């Protein structure tokens, strides 16, 4: 695969010219791409890519891979363990076919909208409680468990007839491998370990990626 010219303000992972990620979209990129590469979204101007990445704090660098820039923007070492964890999470979550937010972003991009508009569309969809908003529900469950105990928190949720957030996934009946990989990379806080044990005792299955992301966020808070 080719390399991104250093003058371009953003980069993306190479995707083969026959890759399926954008094959069905009717629009064509307005800019010439390096051979063998495709962009997941086509911006109106290349410079709009840089506006989606947080700028580092004073004295920090303004270049680097997206996981390094995100880590630095959040106060971490761009070459440290937090950056590496972000990189692993981005890779694990990137290839997950047509979930709701990915589909929304692709539909927006297919109209010829800018990269920023496509990402905004995806983020708006991600905010729903049945999608990315599930992470906030896992965090609330952990706060309940920290106050009343994991067994009581799980029992209270199930007593109301509500599903336990962060556990089970229709595509992974034997366990979400993404969650397994993420949890292996962090020091899981005691409250999340207790929730995991309580959920298993209650027959709620294995943790999914929403649980793992909440645990990772708490581990580095």
N, C-alpha and C. Protein backbone atom coordinates (compact mmCIF):
# COMPACT_ATOMS: atom_id res chain seq x y z
N UNK A 1 0.83 -1.19 0.00
CA UNK A 1 0.00 0.00 0.00
C UNK A 1 0.86 1.24 0.00
N UNK A 2 0.33 2.37 -0.47
CA UNK A 2 1.08 3.61 -0.54
C UNK A 2 1.16 4.29 0.81
N UNK A 3 1.90 5.38 0.85
CA UNK A 3 2.05 6.16 2.08
C UNK A 3 1.37 7.51 1.90
N UNK A 4 0.84 8.04 3.01
CA UNK A 4 0.24 9.36 2.95
C UNK A 4 1.33 10.40 2.83
N UNK A 5 1.22 11.35 1.93
CA UNK A 5 2.20 12.44 1.88
C UNK A 5 2.22 13.19 3.20
N UNK A 6 3.42 13.58 3.64
CA UNK A 6 3.55 14.24 4.93
C UNK A 6 2.77 15.55 4.99
N UNK A 7 2.51 16.18 3.83
CA UNK A 7 1.82 17.47 3.83
C UNK A 7 0.33 17.33 4.15
N UNK A 8 -0.21 16.12 4.01
CA UNK A 8 -1.64 15.95 4.26
C UNK A 8 -1.89 16.01 5.76
N UNK A 9 -2.95 16.71 6.21
CA UNK A 9 -3.16 16.95 7.63
C UNK A 9 -3.71 15.77 8.40
N UNK A 10 -4.17 14.72 7.76
CA UNK A 10 -4.65 13.57 8.52
C UNK A 10 -4.34 12.31 7.75
N UNK A 11 -4.35 11.20 8.48
CA UNK A 11 -4.05 9.92 7.87
C UNK A 11 -5.12 8.92 8.26
N UNK A 12 -5.16 7.85 7.54
CA UNK A 12 -6.08 6.78 7.89
C UNK A 12 -5.41 5.47 7.53
N UNK A 13 -5.93 4.37 8.06
CA UNK A 13 -5.35 3.08 7.75
C UNK A 13 -5.63 2.72 6.30
N UNK A 14 -4.66 2.07 5.63
CA UNK A 14 -4.88 1.72 4.24
C UNK A 14 -5.96 0.67 4.08
N UNK A 15 -6.78 0.84 3.07
CA UNK A 15 -7.81 -0.12 2.74
C UNK A 15 -7.65 -0.45 1.27
N UNK A 16 -7.72 -1.71 0.93
CA UNK A 16 -7.52 -2.12 -0.45
C UNK A 16 -8.53 -1.49 -1.37
N UNK A 17 -8.18 -1.33 -2.66
CA UNK A 17 -9.09 -0.69 -3.61
C UNK A 17 -10.38 -1.45 -3.80
N UNK A 18 -10.38 -2.73 -3.45
CA UNK A 18 -11.60 -3.53 -3.54
C UNK A 18 -12.25 -3.73 -2.17
N UNK A 19 -11.77 -2.95 -1.19
CA UNK A 19 -12.33 -3.07 0.15
C UNK A 19 -13.82 -2.79 0.15
N UNK A 20 -14.50 -3.39 1.10
CA UNK A 20 -15.97 -3.31 1.12
C UNK A 20 -16.48 -2.10 1.87
N UNK A 21 -15.59 -1.32 2.54
CA UNK A 21 -16.08 -0.29 3.44
C UNK A 21 -16.92 0.76 2.74
N UNK A 22 -16.57 1.14 1.52
CA UNK A 22 -17.32 2.19 0.84
C UNK A 22 -17.74 1.75 -0.56
N UNK A 23 -17.67 0.47 -0.83
CA UNK A 23 -17.90 -0.01 -2.19
C UNK A 23 -19.30 0.32 -2.69
N UNK A 24 -20.28 0.37 -1.78
CA UNK A 24 -21.65 0.56 -2.22
C UNK A 24 -22.04 2.02 -2.39
N UNK A 25 -21.16 2.95 -2.02
CA UNK A 25 -21.53 4.36 -2.08
C UNK A 25 -21.41 4.88 -3.51
N UNK A 26 -22.37 5.70 -3.95
CA UNK A 26 -22.38 6.15 -5.34
C UNK A 26 -21.45 7.31 -5.62
N UNK A 27 -20.95 8.00 -4.58
CA UNK A 27 -20.16 9.19 -4.82
C UNK A 27 -18.71 8.83 -5.09
N UNK A 28 -17.98 9.76 -5.69
CA UNK A 28 -16.57 9.59 -5.98
C UNK A 28 -15.77 10.61 -5.18
N UNK A 29 -14.56 10.26 -4.74
CA UNK A 29 -13.76 11.24 -4.03
C UNK A 29 -13.41 12.41 -4.93
N UNK A 30 -13.37 13.60 -4.36
CA UNK A 30 -13.07 14.79 -5.13
C UNK A 30 -11.57 15.01 -5.26
N UNK A 31 -10.76 14.21 -4.56
CA UNK A 31 -9.33 14.40 -4.58
C UNK A 31 -8.67 13.09 -4.99
N UNK A 32 -7.54 13.17 -5.63
CA UNK A 32 -6.83 11.98 -6.07
C UNK A 32 -6.20 11.30 -4.85
N UNK A 33 -6.40 10.02 -4.72
CA UNK A 33 -5.86 9.27 -3.60
C UNK A 33 -4.63 8.51 -4.04
N UNK A 34 -3.71 8.23 -3.10
CA UNK A 34 -2.57 7.40 -3.44
C UNK A 34 -3.03 6.03 -3.92
N UNK A 35 -2.30 5.37 -4.81
CA UNK A 35 -2.71 4.05 -5.31
C UNK A 35 -2.91 3.07 -4.17
N UNK A 36 -3.99 2.29 -4.26
CA UNK A 36 -4.25 1.26 -3.28
C UNK A 36 -4.88 1.74 -2.00
N UNK A 37 -5.27 3.01 -1.92
CA UNK A 37 -5.84 3.54 -0.70
C UNK A 37 -7.22 4.11 -0.95
N UNK A 38 -8.07 4.01 0.06
CA UNK A 38 -9.38 4.65 0.02
C UNK A 38 -9.60 5.29 1.38
N UNK A 39 -10.37 6.36 1.40
CA UNK A 39 -10.77 6.98 2.65
C UNK A 39 -12.13 6.48 3.07
N UNK A 40 -12.34 6.24 4.39
CA UNK A 40 -13.68 5.86 4.83
C UNK A 40 -14.70 6.98 4.63
N UNK A 41 -14.26 8.22 4.69
CA UNK A 41 -15.13 9.35 4.43
C UNK A 41 -14.36 10.34 3.57
N UNK A 42 -15.03 11.03 2.69
CA UNK A 42 -14.36 11.95 1.79
C UNK A 42 -14.68 13.39 2.19
N UNK A 43 -13.71 14.14 2.70
CA UNK A 43 -13.98 15.51 3.12
C UNK A 43 -14.05 16.45 1.93
N UNK A 44 -14.77 17.55 2.14
CA UNK A 44 -14.80 18.59 1.13
C UNK A 44 -13.41 19.19 0.96
N UNK A 45 -12.74 19.39 2.09
CA UNK A 45 -11.36 19.87 2.06
C UNK A 45 -10.54 18.99 2.99
N UNK A 46 -9.32 18.68 2.55
CA UNK A 46 -8.49 17.82 3.40
C UNK A 46 -8.28 18.44 4.77
N UNK A 47 -8.20 19.77 4.82
CA UNK A 47 -7.89 20.40 6.08
C UNK A 47 -8.98 20.17 7.13
N UNK A 48 -10.19 19.81 6.69
CA UNK A 48 -11.25 19.56 7.66
C UNK A 48 -10.93 18.36 8.52
N UNK A 49 -10.03 17.47 8.03
CA UNK A 49 -9.65 16.31 8.84
C UNK A 49 -9.05 16.76 10.15
N UNK A 50 -8.18 17.76 10.10
CA UNK A 50 -7.45 18.16 11.30
C UNK A 50 -8.36 18.75 12.36
N UNK A 51 -9.49 19.30 11.98
CA UNK A 51 -10.38 19.91 12.96
C UNK A 51 -11.08 18.87 13.81
N UNK A 52 -11.07 17.61 13.39
CA UNK A 52 -11.72 16.55 14.15
C UNK A 52 -10.82 15.98 15.22
N UNK A 53 -9.52 16.29 15.16
CA UNK A 53 -8.58 15.76 16.13
C UNK A 53 -8.24 16.84 17.14
N UNK A 54 -8.35 16.55 18.44
CA UNK A 54 -8.08 17.56 19.44
C UNK A 54 -6.63 18.03 19.37
N UNK A 55 -6.44 19.32 19.54
CA UNK A 55 -5.09 19.86 19.52
C UNK A 55 -4.44 19.63 20.88
N UNK A 56 -3.18 19.25 20.91
CA UNK A 56 -2.50 18.99 22.18
C UNK A 56 -2.35 20.25 23.01
N UNK A 57 -2.05 20.05 24.27
CA UNK A 57 -1.88 21.19 25.17
C UNK A 57 -0.62 21.97 24.81
N UNK A 58 -0.49 23.14 25.42
CA UNK A 58 0.62 24.04 25.10
C UNK A 58 1.95 23.30 25.23
N UNK A 59 2.79 23.43 24.25
CA UNK A 59 4.09 22.78 24.27
C UNK A 59 4.06 21.39 23.67
N UNK A 60 2.88 20.85 23.41
CA UNK A 60 2.79 19.51 22.86
C UNK A 60 2.91 19.52 21.35
N UNK A 61 3.09 18.34 20.79
CA UNK A 61 3.23 18.27 19.35
C UNK A 61 1.88 18.29 18.68
N UNK A 62 1.87 18.70 17.42
CA UNK A 62 0.62 18.81 16.67
C UNK A 62 0.53 17.75 15.59
N UNK A 63 1.34 16.73 15.68
CA UNK A 63 1.30 15.67 14.68
C UNK A 63 1.31 14.33 15.39
N UNK A 64 1.29 13.27 14.61
CA UNK A 64 1.28 11.94 15.18
C UNK A 64 0.00 11.21 14.83
N UNK A 65 -0.02 9.94 15.15
CA UNK A 65 -1.21 9.12 14.89
C UNK A 65 -2.36 9.58 15.78
N UNK A 66 -3.57 9.22 15.39
CA UNK A 66 -4.75 9.71 16.11
C UNK A 66 -4.75 9.26 17.56
N UNK A 67 -4.28 8.04 17.85
CA UNK A 67 -4.29 7.58 19.24
C UNK A 67 -3.32 8.40 20.10
N UNK A 68 -2.22 8.85 19.49
CA UNK A 68 -1.28 9.68 20.23
C UNK A 68 -1.85 11.07 20.49
N UNK A 69 -2.53 11.62 19.51
CA UNK A 69 -3.11 12.96 19.67
C UNK A 69 -4.26 12.94 20.67
N UNK A 70 -5.06 11.89 20.64
CA UNK A 70 -6.14 11.78 21.61
C UNK A 70 -5.59 11.61 23.03
N UNK A 71 -4.58 10.77 23.19
CA UNK A 71 -3.99 10.56 24.51
C UNK A 71 -3.42 11.87 25.06
N UNK A 72 -2.74 12.62 24.21
CA UNK A 72 -2.14 13.87 24.66
C UNK A 72 -3.22 14.91 24.97
N UNK A 73 -4.27 14.96 24.17
CA UNK A 73 -5.36 15.90 24.43
C UNK A 73 -6.06 15.59 25.74
N UNK A 74 -6.07 14.33 26.14
CA UNK A 74 -6.70 13.92 27.40
C UNK A 74 -5.71 13.91 28.56
N UNK A 75 -4.50 14.48 28.34
CA UNK A 75 -3.55 14.62 29.43
C UNK A 75 -2.63 13.44 29.62
N UNK A 76 -2.57 12.53 28.67
CA UNK A 76 -1.71 11.36 28.78
C UNK A 76 -0.44 11.49 27.96
N UNK A 77 0.45 10.54 28.15
CA UNK A 77 1.69 10.48 27.39
C UNK A 77 1.38 9.91 26.02
N UNK A 78 1.69 10.63 24.94
CA UNK A 78 1.38 10.13 23.60
C UNK A 78 2.15 8.86 23.23
N UNK A 79 3.18 8.53 24.00
CA UNK A 79 3.94 7.31 23.75
C UNK A 79 3.82 6.33 24.91
N UNK A 80 2.87 6.57 25.79
CA UNK A 80 2.73 5.74 26.98
C UNK A 80 1.61 4.71 26.88
N UNK A 81 1.30 4.06 27.99
CA UNK A 81 0.31 2.98 28.00
C UNK A 81 -1.11 3.43 27.66
N UNK A 82 -1.47 4.67 28.02
CA UNK A 82 -2.81 5.15 27.69
C UNK A 82 -2.97 5.26 26.18
N UNK A 83 -1.97 5.81 25.51
CA UNK A 83 -2.02 5.92 24.05
C UNK A 83 -2.10 4.55 23.40
N UNK A 84 -1.34 3.60 23.93
CA UNK A 84 -1.38 2.25 23.36
C UNK A 84 -2.74 1.60 23.55
N UNK A 85 -3.36 1.84 24.72
CA UNK A 85 -4.69 1.30 24.96
C UNK A 85 -5.71 1.91 24.01
N UNK A 86 -5.62 3.23 23.79
CA UNK A 86 -6.52 3.89 22.84
C UNK A 86 -6.35 3.30 21.45
N UNK A 87 -5.11 3.06 21.06
CA UNK A 87 -4.85 2.46 19.74
C UNK A 87 -5.51 1.09 19.63
N UNK A 88 -5.36 0.28 20.65
CA UNK A 88 -5.95 -1.07 20.62
C UNK A 88 -7.48 -0.99 20.55
N UNK A 89 -8.06 -0.06 21.32
CA UNK A 89 -9.52 0.09 21.32
C UNK A 89 -10.01 0.55 19.95
N UNK A 90 -9.33 1.52 19.35
CA UNK A 90 -9.73 1.99 18.02
C UNK A 90 -9.69 0.87 17.00
N UNK A 91 -8.66 0.04 17.07
CA UNK A 91 -8.55 -1.07 16.12
C UNK A 91 -9.66 -2.08 16.35
N UNK A 92 -9.91 -2.41 17.61
CA UNK A 92 -10.93 -3.41 17.93
C UNK A 92 -12.33 -2.97 17.52
N UNK A 93 -12.61 -1.68 17.65
CA UNK A 93 -13.95 -1.18 17.35
C UNK A 93 -14.13 -0.75 15.91
N UNK A 94 -13.02 -0.63 15.17
CA UNK A 94 -13.13 -0.08 13.81
C UNK A 94 -13.86 -1.01 12.86
N UNK A 95 -13.59 -2.29 12.93
CA UNK A 95 -14.14 -3.23 11.95
C UNK A 95 -15.31 -3.99 12.56
N UNK A 96 -16.48 -3.37 12.54
CA UNK A 96 -17.63 -4.03 13.15
C UNK A 96 -18.87 -3.87 12.27
N UNK A 97 -18.63 -3.88 10.97
CA UNK A 97 -19.72 -3.85 9.99
C UNK A 97 -20.68 -2.69 10.23
N UNK A 98 -21.94 -2.88 9.89
CA UNK A 98 -22.88 -1.76 9.87
C UNK A 98 -23.65 -1.62 11.18
N UNK A 99 -22.93 -1.19 12.24
CA UNK A 99 -23.70 -0.80 13.41
C UNK A 99 -24.37 0.54 13.11
N UNK A 100 -25.22 0.98 14.01
CA UNK A 100 -26.08 2.13 13.71
C UNK A 100 -25.29 3.41 13.40
N UNK A 101 -24.27 3.70 14.19
CA UNK A 101 -23.53 4.94 13.98
C UNK A 101 -22.69 4.89 12.70
N UNK A 102 -22.12 3.73 12.42
CA UNK A 102 -21.36 3.58 11.17
C UNK A 102 -22.27 3.77 9.97
N UNK A 103 -23.45 3.18 10.03
CA UNK A 103 -24.39 3.31 8.92
C UNK A 103 -24.81 4.76 8.73
N UNK A 104 -25.09 5.45 9.85
CA UNK A 104 -25.50 6.85 9.76
C UNK A 104 -24.40 7.71 9.14
N UNK A 105 -23.16 7.47 9.55
CA UNK A 105 -22.04 8.24 9.01
C UNK A 105 -21.85 7.97 7.53
N UNK A 106 -22.02 6.72 7.11
CA UNK A 106 -21.85 6.38 5.70
C UNK A 106 -22.95 7.00 4.84
N UNK A 107 -24.16 7.01 5.36
CA UNK A 107 -25.26 7.64 4.62
C UNK A 107 -24.96 9.12 4.42
N UNK A 108 -24.50 9.78 5.48
CA UNK A 108 -24.17 11.20 5.37
C UNK A 108 -23.04 11.41 4.37
N UNK A 109 -22.00 10.58 4.44
CA UNK A 109 -20.87 10.72 3.52
C UNK A 109 -21.30 10.48 2.08
N UNK A 110 -22.27 9.59 1.88
CA UNK A 110 -22.69 9.26 0.52
C UNK A 110 -23.38 10.43 -0.18
N UNK A 111 -23.80 11.44 0.60
CA UNK A 111 -24.43 12.61 -0.01
C UNK A 111 -23.40 13.63 -0.48
N UNK A 112 -22.12 13.37 -0.21
CA UNK A 112 -21.08 14.32 -0.54
C UNK A 112 -20.82 15.32 0.56
N UNK A 113 -21.40 15.08 1.74
CA UNK A 113 -21.18 15.98 2.87
C UNK A 113 -19.73 15.92 3.33
N UNK A 114 -19.31 16.90 4.11
CA UNK A 114 -17.93 16.98 4.58
C UNK A 114 -17.65 15.88 5.59
N UNK A 115 -16.39 15.65 5.84
CA UNK A 115 -15.96 14.68 6.84
C UNK A 115 -16.53 15.04 8.21
N UNK A 116 -16.48 16.33 8.55
CA UNK A 116 -17.00 16.75 9.85
C UNK A 116 -18.48 16.44 9.98
N UNK A 117 -19.24 16.66 8.91
CA UNK A 117 -20.68 16.38 8.94
C UNK A 117 -20.95 14.88 9.10
N UNK A 118 -20.16 14.07 8.40
CA UNK A 118 -20.34 12.61 8.50
C UNK A 118 -20.04 12.11 9.90
N UNK A 119 -18.95 12.61 10.49
CA UNK A 119 -18.60 12.20 11.84
C UNK A 119 -19.64 12.68 12.85
N UNK A 120 -20.12 13.91 12.67
CA UNK A 120 -21.16 14.44 13.56
C UNK A 120 -22.42 13.57 13.51
N UNK A 121 -22.78 13.13 12.31
CA UNK A 121 -23.94 12.26 12.16
C UNK A 121 -23.73 10.95 12.92
N UNK A 122 -22.53 10.38 12.79
CA UNK A 122 -22.23 9.14 13.50
C UNK A 122 -22.24 9.34 15.00
N UNK A 123 -21.68 10.44 15.47
CA UNK A 123 -21.63 10.70 16.91
C UNK A 123 -23.02 10.93 17.48
N UNK A 124 -23.88 11.62 16.74
CA UNK A 124 -25.25 11.83 17.20
C UNK A 124 -25.98 10.50 17.37
N UNK A 125 -25.78 9.60 16.42
CA UNK A 125 -26.40 8.28 16.52
C UNK A 125 -25.79 7.48 17.67
N UNK A 126 -24.49 7.63 17.85
CA UNK A 126 -23.79 6.90 18.91
C UNK A 126 -24.29 7.27 20.29
N UNK A 127 -24.84 8.48 20.44
CA UNK A 127 -25.25 8.96 21.75
C UNK A 127 -26.47 8.24 22.30
N UNK A 128 -27.19 7.51 21.48
CA UNK A 128 -28.40 6.84 21.95
C UNK A 128 -28.13 5.79 23.01
N UNK A 129 -29.05 5.60 23.96
CA UNK A 129 -28.82 4.65 25.05
C UNK A 129 -28.72 3.20 24.61
N UNK A 130 -29.20 2.88 23.43
CA UNK A 130 -29.07 1.51 22.93
C UNK A 130 -27.77 1.31 22.15
N UNK A 131 -26.96 2.35 22.09
CA UNK A 131 -25.71 2.25 21.33
C UNK A 131 -24.58 2.75 22.22
N UNK A 132 -23.92 3.83 21.86
CA UNK A 132 -22.81 4.32 22.66
C UNK A 132 -23.20 4.80 24.04
N UNK A 133 -24.46 5.21 24.19
CA UNK A 133 -24.94 5.64 25.50
C UNK A 133 -24.98 4.53 26.53
N UNK A 134 -24.81 3.29 26.09
CA UNK A 134 -24.79 2.17 27.02
C UNK A 134 -23.63 2.29 28.00
N UNK A 135 -22.54 2.92 27.57
CA UNK A 135 -21.40 3.08 28.47
C UNK A 135 -21.75 3.87 29.72
N UNK A 136 -22.58 4.91 29.55
CA UNK A 136 -23.01 5.70 30.70
C UNK A 136 -23.85 4.86 31.65
N UNK A 137 -24.63 3.93 31.11
CA UNK A 137 -25.45 3.06 31.95
C UNK A 137 -24.57 2.09 32.73
N UNK A 138 -23.49 1.63 32.11
CA UNK A 138 -22.54 0.77 32.82
C UNK A 138 -21.88 1.56 33.96
N UNK A 139 -21.54 2.80 33.69
CA UNK A 139 -20.92 3.64 34.72
C UNK A 139 -21.88 3.86 35.89
N UNK A 140 -23.16 4.08 35.58
CA UNK A 140 -24.16 4.25 36.64
C UNK A 140 -24.30 2.97 37.47
N UNK A 141 -24.24 1.83 36.79
CA UNK A 141 -24.32 0.55 37.49
C UNK A 141 -23.12 0.39 38.42
N UNK A 142 -21.95 0.79 37.95
CA UNK A 142 -20.74 0.69 38.78
C UNK A 142 -20.83 1.62 40.00
N UNK A 143 -21.40 2.80 39.82
CA UNK A 143 -21.55 3.72 40.94
C UNK A 143 -22.53 3.15 41.97
N UNK A 144 -23.60 2.52 41.48
CA UNK A 144 -24.55 1.86 42.38
C UNK A 144 -23.86 0.74 43.14
N UNK A 145 -23.04 -0.03 42.42
CA UNK A 145 -22.33 -1.14 43.05
C UNK A 145 -21.32 -0.65 44.08
N UNK A 146 -20.68 0.47 43.81
CA UNK A 146 -19.70 1.02 44.76
C UNK A 146 -20.37 1.44 46.05
N UNK A 147 -21.63 1.83 45.98
CA UNK A 147 -22.36 2.31 47.17
C UNK A 147 -23.07 1.18 47.90
N UNK A 148 -23.70 0.28 47.13
CA UNK A 148 -24.56 -0.74 47.75
C UNK A 148 -24.03 -2.16 47.58
N UNK A 149 -22.95 -2.32 46.85
CA UNK A 149 -22.42 -3.65 46.61
C UNK A 149 -22.85 -4.18 45.25
N UNK A 150 -21.99 -4.97 44.63
CA UNK A 150 -22.25 -5.46 43.28
C UNK A 150 -23.47 -6.37 43.23
N UNK A 151 -23.61 -7.26 44.20
CA UNK A 151 -24.74 -8.19 44.19
C UNK A 151 -26.06 -7.43 44.27
N UNK A 152 -26.12 -6.41 45.14
CA UNK A 152 -27.35 -5.63 45.29
C UNK A 152 -27.62 -4.82 44.03
N UNK A 153 -26.58 -4.29 43.40
CA UNK A 153 -26.77 -3.48 42.20
C UNK A 153 -27.32 -4.33 41.05
N UNK A 154 -26.78 -5.52 40.90
CA UNK A 154 -27.26 -6.42 39.84
C UNK A 154 -28.68 -6.87 40.14
N UNK A 155 -28.94 -7.25 41.38
CA UNK A 155 -30.27 -7.72 41.76
C UNK A 155 -31.32 -6.63 41.56
N UNK A 156 -30.99 -5.39 41.92
CA UNK A 156 -31.95 -4.29 41.77
C UNK A 156 -32.29 -4.06 40.31
N UNK A 157 -31.29 -4.16 39.47
CA UNK A 157 -31.53 -3.95 38.03
C UNK A 157 -32.42 -5.06 37.47
N UNK A 158 -32.12 -6.29 37.82
CA UNK A 158 -32.89 -7.41 37.29
C UNK A 158 -34.30 -7.46 37.88
N UNK A 159 -34.46 -6.98 39.11
CA UNK A 159 -35.78 -6.98 39.76
C UNK A 159 -36.76 -6.08 39.02
N UNK A 160 -36.23 -5.06 38.36
CA UNK A 160 -37.09 -4.15 37.59
C UNK A 160 -37.37 -4.69 36.19
N UNK A 161 -36.78 -5.82 35.86
CA UNK A 161 -37.00 -6.40 34.54
C UNK A 161 -36.15 -5.78 33.46
N UNK A 162 -35.15 -5.02 33.86
CA UNK A 162 -34.28 -4.36 32.88
C UNK A 162 -33.08 -5.25 32.57
N UNK A 163 -32.60 -5.22 31.33
CA UNK A 163 -31.38 -5.96 31.02
C UNK A 163 -30.19 -5.33 31.73
N UNK A 164 -29.21 -6.14 32.02
CA UNK A 164 -28.03 -5.66 32.71
C UNK A 164 -27.08 -5.01 31.71
N UNK A 165 -26.85 -3.70 31.81
CA UNK A 165 -25.99 -3.03 30.83
C UNK A 165 -24.55 -3.53 30.90
N UNK A 166 -23.96 -3.75 29.73
CA UNK A 166 -22.57 -4.18 29.69
C UNK A 166 -22.37 -5.68 29.62
N UNK A 167 -23.48 -6.42 29.52
CA UNK A 167 -23.35 -7.88 29.48
C UNK A 167 -24.20 -8.46 28.36
N UNK A 168 -23.63 -9.46 27.70
CA UNK A 168 -24.32 -10.12 26.60
C UNK A 168 -24.23 -9.32 25.31
N UNK A 169 -24.24 -10.04 24.20
CA UNK A 169 -24.21 -9.40 22.88
C UNK A 169 -24.77 -10.40 21.88
N UNK A 170 -25.76 -9.98 21.07
CA UNK A 170 -26.40 -10.92 20.14
C UNK A 170 -25.43 -11.52 19.12
N UNK A 171 -24.37 -10.80 18.80
CA UNK A 171 -23.41 -11.31 17.81
C UNK A 171 -22.33 -12.19 18.44
N UNK A 172 -22.25 -12.15 19.77
CA UNK A 172 -21.21 -12.91 20.46
C UNK A 172 -21.81 -13.72 21.60
N UNK A 173 -22.55 -14.76 21.29
CA UNK A 173 -23.21 -15.54 22.35
C UNK A 173 -22.22 -16.21 23.31
N UNK A 174 -20.99 -16.43 22.85
CA UNK A 174 -19.98 -17.06 23.70
C UNK A 174 -19.05 -16.03 24.35
N UNK A 175 -19.38 -14.77 24.20
CA UNK A 175 -18.55 -13.72 24.80
C UNK A 175 -17.98 -12.78 23.75
N UNK A 176 -17.97 -11.52 24.06
CA UNK A 176 -17.47 -10.47 23.17
C UNK A 176 -15.94 -10.47 23.24
N UNK A 177 -15.27 -10.93 22.18
CA UNK A 177 -13.82 -11.03 22.20
C UNK A 177 -13.17 -9.66 22.35
N UNK A 178 -13.83 -8.61 21.88
CA UNK A 178 -13.28 -7.27 22.04
C UNK A 178 -13.16 -6.90 23.51
N UNK A 179 -14.18 -7.25 24.29
CA UNK A 179 -14.14 -6.97 25.72
C UNK A 179 -13.02 -7.75 26.39
N UNK A 180 -12.87 -9.00 25.99
CA UNK A 180 -11.81 -9.84 26.58
C UNK A 180 -10.44 -9.23 26.36
N UNK A 181 -10.19 -8.77 25.14
CA UNK A 181 -8.88 -8.20 24.82
C UNK A 181 -8.63 -6.92 25.61
N UNK A 182 -9.64 -6.05 25.68
CA UNK A 182 -9.48 -4.78 26.40
C UNK A 182 -9.25 -5.02 27.89
N UNK A 183 -10.04 -5.90 28.49
CA UNK A 183 -9.92 -6.16 29.92
C UNK A 183 -8.57 -6.76 30.28
N UNK A 184 -7.98 -7.49 29.34
CA UNK A 184 -6.66 -8.07 29.58
C UNK A 184 -5.56 -7.02 29.59
N UNK A 185 -5.85 -5.84 29.05
CA UNK A 185 -4.84 -4.79 28.92
C UNK A 185 -4.85 -3.79 30.07
N UNK A 186 -5.80 -3.90 30.98
CA UNK A 186 -5.93 -2.90 32.04
C UNK A 186 -5.95 -3.56 33.42
N UNK A 187 -5.71 -2.74 34.42
CA UNK A 187 -5.89 -3.18 35.81
C UNK A 187 -7.34 -2.88 36.19
N UNK A 188 -8.18 -3.89 36.14
CA UNK A 188 -9.61 -3.71 36.37
C UNK A 188 -9.85 -3.32 37.84
N UNK A 189 -10.57 -2.22 38.04
CA UNK A 189 -10.87 -1.79 39.40
C UNK A 189 -11.76 -2.81 40.10
N UNK A 190 -11.67 -2.82 41.43
CA UNK A 190 -12.37 -3.83 42.22
C UNK A 190 -13.88 -3.82 41.97
N UNK A 191 -14.48 -2.64 41.82
CA UNK A 191 -15.93 -2.58 41.64
C UNK A 191 -16.35 -3.25 40.34
N UNK A 192 -15.54 -3.12 39.29
CA UNK A 192 -15.88 -3.76 38.03
C UNK A 192 -15.64 -5.28 38.10
N UNK A 193 -14.60 -5.68 38.81
CA UNK A 193 -14.37 -7.11 38.99
C UNK A 193 -15.52 -7.74 39.78
N UNK A 194 -16.01 -7.04 40.79
CA UNK A 194 -17.14 -7.55 41.58
C UNK A 194 -18.41 -7.60 40.75
N UNK A 195 -18.63 -6.60 39.92
CA UNK A 195 -19.79 -6.61 39.02
C UNK A 195 -19.73 -7.78 38.06
N UNK A 196 -18.55 -8.03 37.55
CA UNK A 196 -18.37 -9.14 36.62
C UNK A 196 -18.74 -10.47 37.28
N UNK A 197 -18.27 -10.67 38.49
CA UNK A 197 -18.57 -11.90 39.22
C UNK A 197 -20.06 -12.00 39.55
N UNK A 198 -20.65 -10.87 39.96
CA UNK A 198 -22.07 -10.88 40.31
C UNK A 198 -22.95 -11.15 39.10
N UNK A 199 -22.58 -10.59 37.96
CA UNK A 199 -23.37 -10.81 36.74
C UNK A 199 -23.29 -12.26 36.30
N UNK A 200 -22.12 -12.85 36.41
CA UNK A 200 -21.98 -14.25 36.04
C UNK A 200 -22.80 -15.14 36.99
N UNK A 201 -22.76 -14.82 38.27
CA UNK A 201 -23.54 -15.60 39.24
C UNK A 201 -25.03 -15.50 38.95
N UNK A 202 -25.46 -14.34 38.40
CA UNK A 202 -26.87 -14.13 38.09
C UNK A 202 -27.24 -14.66 36.71
N UNK A 203 -26.30 -15.30 36.04
CA UNK A 203 -26.59 -15.88 34.73
C UNK A 203 -26.71 -14.86 33.61
N UNK A 204 -26.01 -13.75 33.74
CA UNK A 204 -26.12 -12.68 32.74
C UNK A 204 -25.06 -12.76 31.64
N UNK A 205 -24.29 -13.81 31.65
CA UNK A 205 -23.32 -14.01 30.57
C UNK A 205 -22.04 -13.23 30.77
N UNK A 206 -21.33 -13.06 29.66
CA UNK A 206 -20.02 -12.43 29.68
C UNK A 206 -20.13 -10.93 29.38
N UNK A 207 -19.12 -10.16 29.80
CA UNK A 207 -19.15 -8.72 29.53
C UNK A 207 -18.99 -8.42 28.05
N UNK A 208 -19.59 -7.33 27.61
CA UNK A 208 -19.41 -6.90 26.22
C UNK A 208 -18.49 -5.68 26.18
N UNK A 209 -18.33 -5.12 25.01
CA UNK A 209 -17.37 -4.04 24.85
C UNK A 209 -17.77 -2.79 25.63
N UNK A 210 -19.06 -2.58 25.88
CA UNK A 210 -19.49 -1.42 26.66
C UNK A 210 -18.97 -1.51 28.10
N UNK A 211 -19.02 -2.69 28.67
CA UNK A 211 -18.48 -2.90 30.01
C UNK A 211 -16.98 -2.67 30.01
N UNK A 212 -16.30 -3.22 28.99
CA UNK A 212 -14.84 -3.10 28.93
C UNK A 212 -14.41 -1.64 28.76
N UNK A 213 -15.13 -0.86 27.96
CA UNK A 213 -14.78 0.54 27.75
C UNK A 213 -14.99 1.34 29.04
N UNK A 214 -16.07 1.05 29.75
CA UNK A 214 -16.31 1.75 31.02
C UNK A 214 -15.23 1.39 32.04
N UNK A 215 -14.85 0.12 32.06
CA UNK A 215 -13.78 -0.31 32.99
C UNK A 215 -12.46 0.33 32.64
N UNK A 216 -12.16 0.43 31.34
CA UNK A 216 -10.91 1.05 30.90
C UNK A 216 -10.89 2.53 31.25
N UNK A 217 -12.02 3.20 31.04
CA UNK A 217 -12.11 4.62 31.37
C UNK A 217 -11.90 4.85 32.86
N UNK A 218 -12.51 4.01 33.67
CA UNK A 218 -12.37 4.14 35.13
C UNK A 218 -10.94 3.84 35.58
N UNK A 219 -10.30 2.91 34.90
CA UNK A 219 -8.94 2.52 35.30
C UNK A 219 -7.95 3.64 35.11
N UNK A 220 -8.22 4.55 34.17
CA UNK A 220 -7.29 5.64 33.88
C UNK A 220 -7.85 7.01 34.24
N UNK A 221 -8.93 7.03 35.02
CA UNK A 221 -9.52 8.31 35.44
C UNK A 221 -8.68 8.94 36.55
